[in-house]
Structures are given as structure tokens and as C-alpha cells.
Amino acid sequence: MPRATNKPAGRHRKKKILKLAKGYRQGRSKQYKRAKEFAERGLTYAYRDRRQKKRDFRSLWITRISAACKANGMSYSTFIHGLNCLGITINRKMLAEMAYNSPEQFNQIIQQVREVTQASAKS
């Protein structure tokens, strides 16, 4: 009786890893052992960075909003506090988009916030 080797399953396993490693340089895409190491590393980074991306974008939005506020003579923290006092619930993504693409609308919001902060400072 011939020896059973489970060849098809092993081949599929290797092809799956080599497909993940496609585009890597030199032996990292050709040799199974090295491809496995780097494909696993790549998957680890992909998992981590799906979460990291959310933090990166939030910091980008805050930077853009802050720059637009500074151009209008207001700090970011004062602006956000004023929005909360007004009850305006626009998220940072939309605020950054507004500051970047339609500054005149953003300036109108800043004027509303400025009125509220000046009124609260007097009382």
C-alpha cells in the first residue's frame, strides 16, 4: 500500500503563504520559510494599523481644526468648549473638512462660538 503524504493540503498551505508574501523582495517572496515569517509580520502590522489609523486621522483632523482656529484668533480648546456650550454636535472629521474646503462656513461657526465665549466671560 502506498504511503499517504497529505500533499494537496501542504501545497495549499504553502501557496496561501506565498500569495500573502507576493511583492516582497528577494527570498521573502520565494522561499516558504522566509515568506512565512514576513507574511506573519505583515499581518501583525495590518491588524495593529487598522486601529492606529483611527488615531492618526483624529489627530490630523484636530491639527486642521486647530490651524483654522488659530487663523481666526482662537485656540482649539476654546473652540471645542464653545461648540459644547452651543450644543453643536458636529464631529471633528466634518469640522476639519469644513475648515479645509469651505472656510467661510467654518468662520461663521467661529463667530457663533466667539459670541458665546464672550458672553460667558462677562457673566
Protein backbone atom coordinates (compact mmCIF):
# COMPACT_ATOMS: atom_id res chain seq x y z
CA MET A 1 0.00 0.00 0.00
CA PRO A 2 1.44 3.42 -0.92
CA ARG A 3 2.42 5.91 1.72
CA ALA A 4 -0.07 8.76 2.33
CA THR A 5 1.62 12.18 2.46
CA ASN A 6 -1.18 14.76 2.63
CA LYS A 7 0.47 16.51 -0.31
CA PRO A 8 -2.51 18.58 -1.55
CA ALA A 9 -3.17 20.19 1.85
CA GLY A 10 0.51 21.03 2.33
CA ARG A 11 0.71 22.56 -1.12
CA HIS A 12 -2.36 24.71 -0.46
CA ARG A 13 -0.91 25.83 2.86
CA LYS A 14 2.34 26.90 1.20
CA LYS A 15 0.61 28.59 -1.73
CA LYS A 16 -1.54 30.59 0.69
CA ILE A 17 1.55 31.93 2.49
CA LEU A 18 3.43 32.64 -0.77
CA LYS A 19 0.39 34.51 -2.08
CA LEU A 20 0.42 36.70 1.05
CA ALA A 21 4.14 37.37 0.50
CA LYS A 22 3.71 38.37 -3.12
CA GLY A 23 5.54 41.61 -3.85
CA TYR A 24 8.11 41.20 -1.09
CA ARG A 25 11.73 41.49 -2.17
CA GLN A 26 14.15 38.64 -2.88
CA GLY A 27 13.74 35.46 -0.87
CA ARG A 28 10.94 36.90 1.21
CA SER A 29 8.53 36.18 -1.61
CA LYS A 30 10.05 32.96 -2.96
CA GLN A 31 11.28 30.84 -0.05
CA TYR A 32 8.48 29.39 2.04
CA LYS A 33 10.25 29.67 5.39
CA ARG A 34 11.20 33.33 4.96
CA ALA A 35 7.88 34.17 3.31
CA LYS A 36 6.03 32.75 6.30
CA GLU A 37 8.00 34.93 8.75
CA PHE A 38 7.40 38.12 6.81
CA ALA A 39 3.79 37.39 5.92
CA GLU A 40 3.00 36.86 9.60
CA ARG A 41 4.80 40.09 10.44
CA GLY A 42 2.81 41.87 7.75
CA LEU A 43 -0.47 40.53 9.10
CA THR A 44 0.52 41.68 12.59
CA TYR A 45 1.21 45.20 11.33
CA ALA A 46 -2.05 45.22 9.37
CA TYR A 47 -4.02 44.27 12.48
CA ARG A 48 -2.26 46.90 14.59
CA ASP A 49 -2.52 49.64 12.00
CA ARG A 50 -6.25 49.21 11.42
CA ARG A 51 -6.59 50.56 14.96
CA GLN A 52 -3.73 53.04 14.62
CA LYS A 53 -5.34 54.58 11.52
CA LYS A 54 -8.28 55.83 13.57
CA ARG A 55 -5.92 57.64 15.98
CA ASP A 56 -3.87 59.09 13.13
CA PHE A 57 -6.88 60.52 11.36
CA ARG A 58 -8.30 62.01 14.57
CA SER A 59 -5.00 63.79 15.24
CA LEU A 60 -4.95 65.06 11.62
CA TRP A 61 -8.48 66.44 12.00
CA ILE A 62 -7.58 68.13 15.29
CA THR A 63 -4.48 69.68 13.68
CA ARG A 64 -6.53 71.07 10.79
CA ILE A 65 -9.23 72.46 13.08
CA SER A 66 -6.60 73.98 15.35
CA ALA A 67 -4.85 75.68 12.42
CA ALA A 68 -8.14 77.15 11.20
CA CYS A 69 -8.97 78.36 14.71
CA LYS A 70 -5.53 79.94 15.12
CA ALA A 71 -6.02 81.78 11.80
CA ASN A 72 -9.17 83.29 13.32
CA GLY A 73 -7.54 84.16 16.64
CA MET A 74 -8.97 81.37 18.77
CA SER A 75 -7.48 78.32 20.42
CA TYR A 76 -8.69 74.81 19.66
CA SER A 77 -9.77 74.12 23.24
CA THR A 78 -11.80 77.34 23.44
CA PHE A 79 -13.45 76.48 20.14
CA ILE A 80 -14.44 72.97 21.22
CA HIS A 81 -15.70 74.28 24.57
CA GLY A 82 -17.80 76.88 22.74
CA LEU A 83 -19.26 74.22 20.46
CA ASN A 84 -20.27 72.18 23.50
CA CYS A 85 -21.87 75.25 25.10
CA LEU A 86 -23.83 75.93 21.91
CA GLY A 87 -24.90 72.30 21.68
CA ILE A 88 -23.43 71.91 18.19
CA THR A 89 -22.62 68.24 17.67
CA ILE A 90 -20.51 68.26 14.52
CA ASN A 91 -17.76 65.66 14.70
CA ARG A 92 -14.10 66.53 14.18
CA LYS A 93 -13.99 64.89 10.76
CA MET A 94 -16.70 67.20 9.43
CA LEU A 95 -15.21 70.26 11.15
CA ALA A 96 -11.82 69.54 9.57
CA GLU A 97 -13.46 69.04 6.18
CA MET A 98 -15.30 72.33 6.59
CA ALA A 99 -12.15 74.17 7.68
CA TYR A 100 -10.24 72.79 4.71
CA ASN A 101 -12.80 73.06 1.89
CA SER A 102 -15.23 75.82 2.92
CA PRO A 103 -13.52 78.25 5.31
CA GLU A 104 -16.35 80.81 5.09
CA GLN A 105 -18.80 78.37 6.73
CA PHE A 106 -16.18 77.50 9.33
CA ASN A 107 -15.70 81.22 10.06
CA GLN A 108 -19.45 81.55 10.69
CA ILE A 109 -19.25 78.79 13.29
CA ILE A 110 -16.25 80.51 14.88
CA GLN A 111 -18.24 83.76 15.09
CA GLN A 112 -21.07 81.94 16.91
CA VAL A 113 -18.57 80.36 19.29
CA ARG A 114 -16.85 83.72 19.86
CA GLU A 115 -20.20 85.32 20.85
CA VAL A 116 -20.93 82.55 23.34
CA THR A 117 -17.45 82.60 24.90
CA GLN A 118 -17.51 86.40 25.25
CA ALA A 119 -20.97 86.26 26.85
CA SER A 120 -19.85 83.58 29.32
CA ALA A 121 -16.66 85.54 30.12
CA LYS A 122 -18.70 88.66 31.04
CA SER A 123 -21.02 86.79 33.38
